[in-house]
């Protein structure tokens, strides 16, 4: 019987949603909503707002709002890019690094709790499959 791609997508989305929901208490204690967390988590790899929008597949206007909120909360700051004075680079503050680390740990623990239900070989296969799917984008 062929695998239903829509059902796989739905199951994947449901799993991610359940994990995020389970972490909402920790995110709330850190002063983050889930979307702000994703912006905070991505800043080290994509330190410019336009890069963040592309990496997270969200509108630039939304990134602007999340960045403004995270700056106001003291989790990041804007710095002028020395290579291009017209650009602002985003940098996590020590509070931002700490919040990012705690939120990532909460997500990892919650996801690991679910991954513990499958055999180590299946976990490795899942990782291989996900990496392959992401590589074909």
Protein backbone atom coordinates (compact mmCIF):
# COMPACT_ATOMS: atom_id res chain seq x y z
CA UNK A 1 0.00 0.00 0.00
CA UNK A 2 1.49 3.41 -0.97
CA UNK A 3 2.36 5.87 1.75
CA UNK A 4 0.09 8.90 1.85
CA UNK A 5 2.36 11.98 1.72
CA UNK A 6 -0.35 14.24 3.16
CA UNK A 7 -0.78 11.91 6.12
CA UNK A 8 3.01 11.85 6.73
CA UNK A 9 3.08 15.65 6.62
CA UNK A 10 0.15 15.82 9.04
CA UNK A 11 1.77 13.36 11.46
CA UNK A 12 5.06 15.25 11.35
CA UNK A 13 3.30 18.56 11.96
CA UNK A 14 1.29 17.06 14.83
CA UNK A 15 4.45 15.69 16.47
CA UNK A 16 6.20 19.05 16.26
CA UNK A 17 3.13 20.85 17.61
CA UNK A 18 2.81 18.43 20.54
CA UNK A 19 6.48 18.90 21.43
CA UNK A 20 6.20 22.71 21.23
CA UNK A 21 3.02 22.68 23.32
CA UNK A 22 4.73 20.54 25.96
CA UNK A 23 7.50 23.17 26.17
CA UNK A 24 5.16 26.16 26.41
CA UNK A 25 5.55 26.37 30.18
CA UNK A 26 9.33 26.59 29.94
CA UNK A 27 9.10 29.10 27.09
CA UNK A 28 6.66 31.19 29.13
CA UNK A 29 8.96 31.10 32.15
CA UNK A 30 11.73 32.43 29.91
CA UNK A 31 9.48 35.19 28.58
CA UNK A 32 9.37 33.73 25.06
CA UNK A 33 6.57 32.71 22.77
CA UNK A 34 7.42 29.87 20.36
CA UNK A 35 7.89 32.13 17.33
CA UNK A 36 10.25 34.38 19.28
CA UNK A 37 12.16 31.28 20.32
CA UNK A 38 12.70 30.24 16.70
CA UNK A 39 14.02 33.71 15.87
CA UNK A 40 16.30 33.65 18.93
CA UNK A 41 17.54 30.16 18.05
CA UNK A 42 18.34 31.10 14.44
CA UNK A 43 20.20 34.38 15.08
CA UNK A 44 23.68 32.84 15.48
CA UNK A 45 23.38 31.16 12.05
CA UNK A 46 21.46 33.99 10.34
CA UNK A 47 22.41 37.27 12.04
CA UNK A 48 20.72 39.61 9.57
CA UNK A 49 16.95 40.19 9.57
CA UNK A 50 16.55 39.35 5.86
CA UNK A 51 18.50 36.12 6.40
CA UNK A 52 16.28 35.28 9.37
CA UNK A 53 13.16 35.75 7.28
CA UNK A 54 14.54 33.45 4.58
CA UNK A 55 15.79 30.79 7.00
CA UNK A 56 12.56 30.72 9.00
CA UNK A 57 10.29 31.19 5.97
CA UNK A 58 8.41 34.07 7.56
CA UNK A 59 7.68 37.58 6.26
CA UNK A 60 10.31 40.26 6.88
CA UNK A 61 7.69 42.36 8.66
CA UNK A 62 7.12 39.53 11.15
CA UNK A 63 10.86 39.22 11.75
CA UNK A 64 10.94 42.95 12.49
CA UNK A 65 8.25 42.54 15.16
CA UNK A 66 9.94 39.52 16.77
CA UNK A 67 13.34 41.25 16.74
CA UNK A 68 11.84 44.38 18.30
CA UNK A 69 10.28 42.25 21.06
CA UNK A 70 13.48 40.31 21.69
CA UNK A 71 15.55 43.50 21.83
CA UNK A 72 13.05 45.03 24.29
CA UNK A 73 13.30 41.89 26.45
CA UNK A 74 17.09 42.17 26.48
CA UNK A 75 17.69 38.93 24.57
CA UNK A 76 19.45 40.50 21.60
CA UNK A 77 20.85 43.75 20.33
CA UNK A 78 21.39 45.32 16.95
CA UNK A 79 24.92 46.23 15.90
CA UNK A 80 26.07 48.15 12.84
CA UNK A 81 27.88 45.83 10.44
CA UNK A 82 31.41 47.19 10.04
CA UNK A 83 31.59 45.75 6.52
CA UNK A 84 28.38 47.53 5.45
CA UNK A 85 27.30 50.46 7.61
CA UNK A 86 23.77 50.28 6.14
CA UNK A 87 23.16 46.85 7.68
CA UNK A 88 22.37 45.84 11.23
CA UNK A 89 23.63 42.55 12.53
CA UNK A 90 21.75 40.86 15.36
CA UNK A 91 23.70 39.55 18.33
CA UNK A 92 22.41 37.58 21.29
CA UNK A 93 23.03 39.06 24.70
CA UNK A 94 24.12 36.85 27.60
CA UNK A 95 20.45 36.70 28.67
CA UNK A 96 19.52 35.74 25.11
CA UNK A 97 22.16 33.01 25.03
CA UNK A 98 20.91 31.66 28.36
CA UNK A 99 17.25 31.70 27.25
CA UNK A 100 18.17 30.06 23.93
CA UNK A 101 20.14 27.34 25.73
CA UNK A 102 17.34 26.63 28.21
CA UNK A 103 14.64 26.61 25.53
CA UNK A 104 16.68 24.31 23.26
CA UNK A 105 17.30 21.99 26.21
CA UNK A 106 13.57 21.88 26.97
CA UNK A 107 12.76 21.07 23.34
CA UNK A 108 15.49 18.46 23.14
CA UNK A 109 14.34 16.78 26.36
CA UNK A 110 10.72 16.70 25.24
CA UNK A 111 11.60 15.40 21.78
CA UNK A 112 14.00 12.86 23.29
CA UNK A 113 11.21 11.61 25.55
CA UNK A 114 9.24 10.77 22.43
CA UNK A 115 12.25 9.39 20.53
CA UNK A 116 12.92 7.02 23.44
CA UNK A 117 9.87 5.07 22.26
CA UNK A 118 11.74 3.91 19.16
CA UNK A 119 14.85 1.75 18.82
CA UNK A 120 18.26 3.45 18.47
CA UNK A 121 18.60 2.08 14.93
CA UNK A 122 15.25 3.61 14.01
CA UNK A 123 16.37 6.93 15.47
CA UNK A 124 19.46 6.85 13.26
CA UNK A 125 17.30 5.96 10.26
CA UNK A 126 14.91 8.81 11.06
CA UNK A 127 17.84 11.23 11.20
CA UNK A 128 19.15 9.94 7.88
CA UNK A 129 15.73 10.29 6.26
CA UNK A 130 15.17 13.82 7.59
CA UNK A 131 18.61 14.93 6.43
CA UNK A 132 17.92 13.46 3.00
CA UNK A 133 14.55 15.21 2.79
CA UNK A 134 16.09 18.52 3.80
CA UNK A 135 18.91 18.08 1.31
CA UNK A 136 16.49 17.65 -1.54
CA UNK A 137 14.75 20.97 -0.91
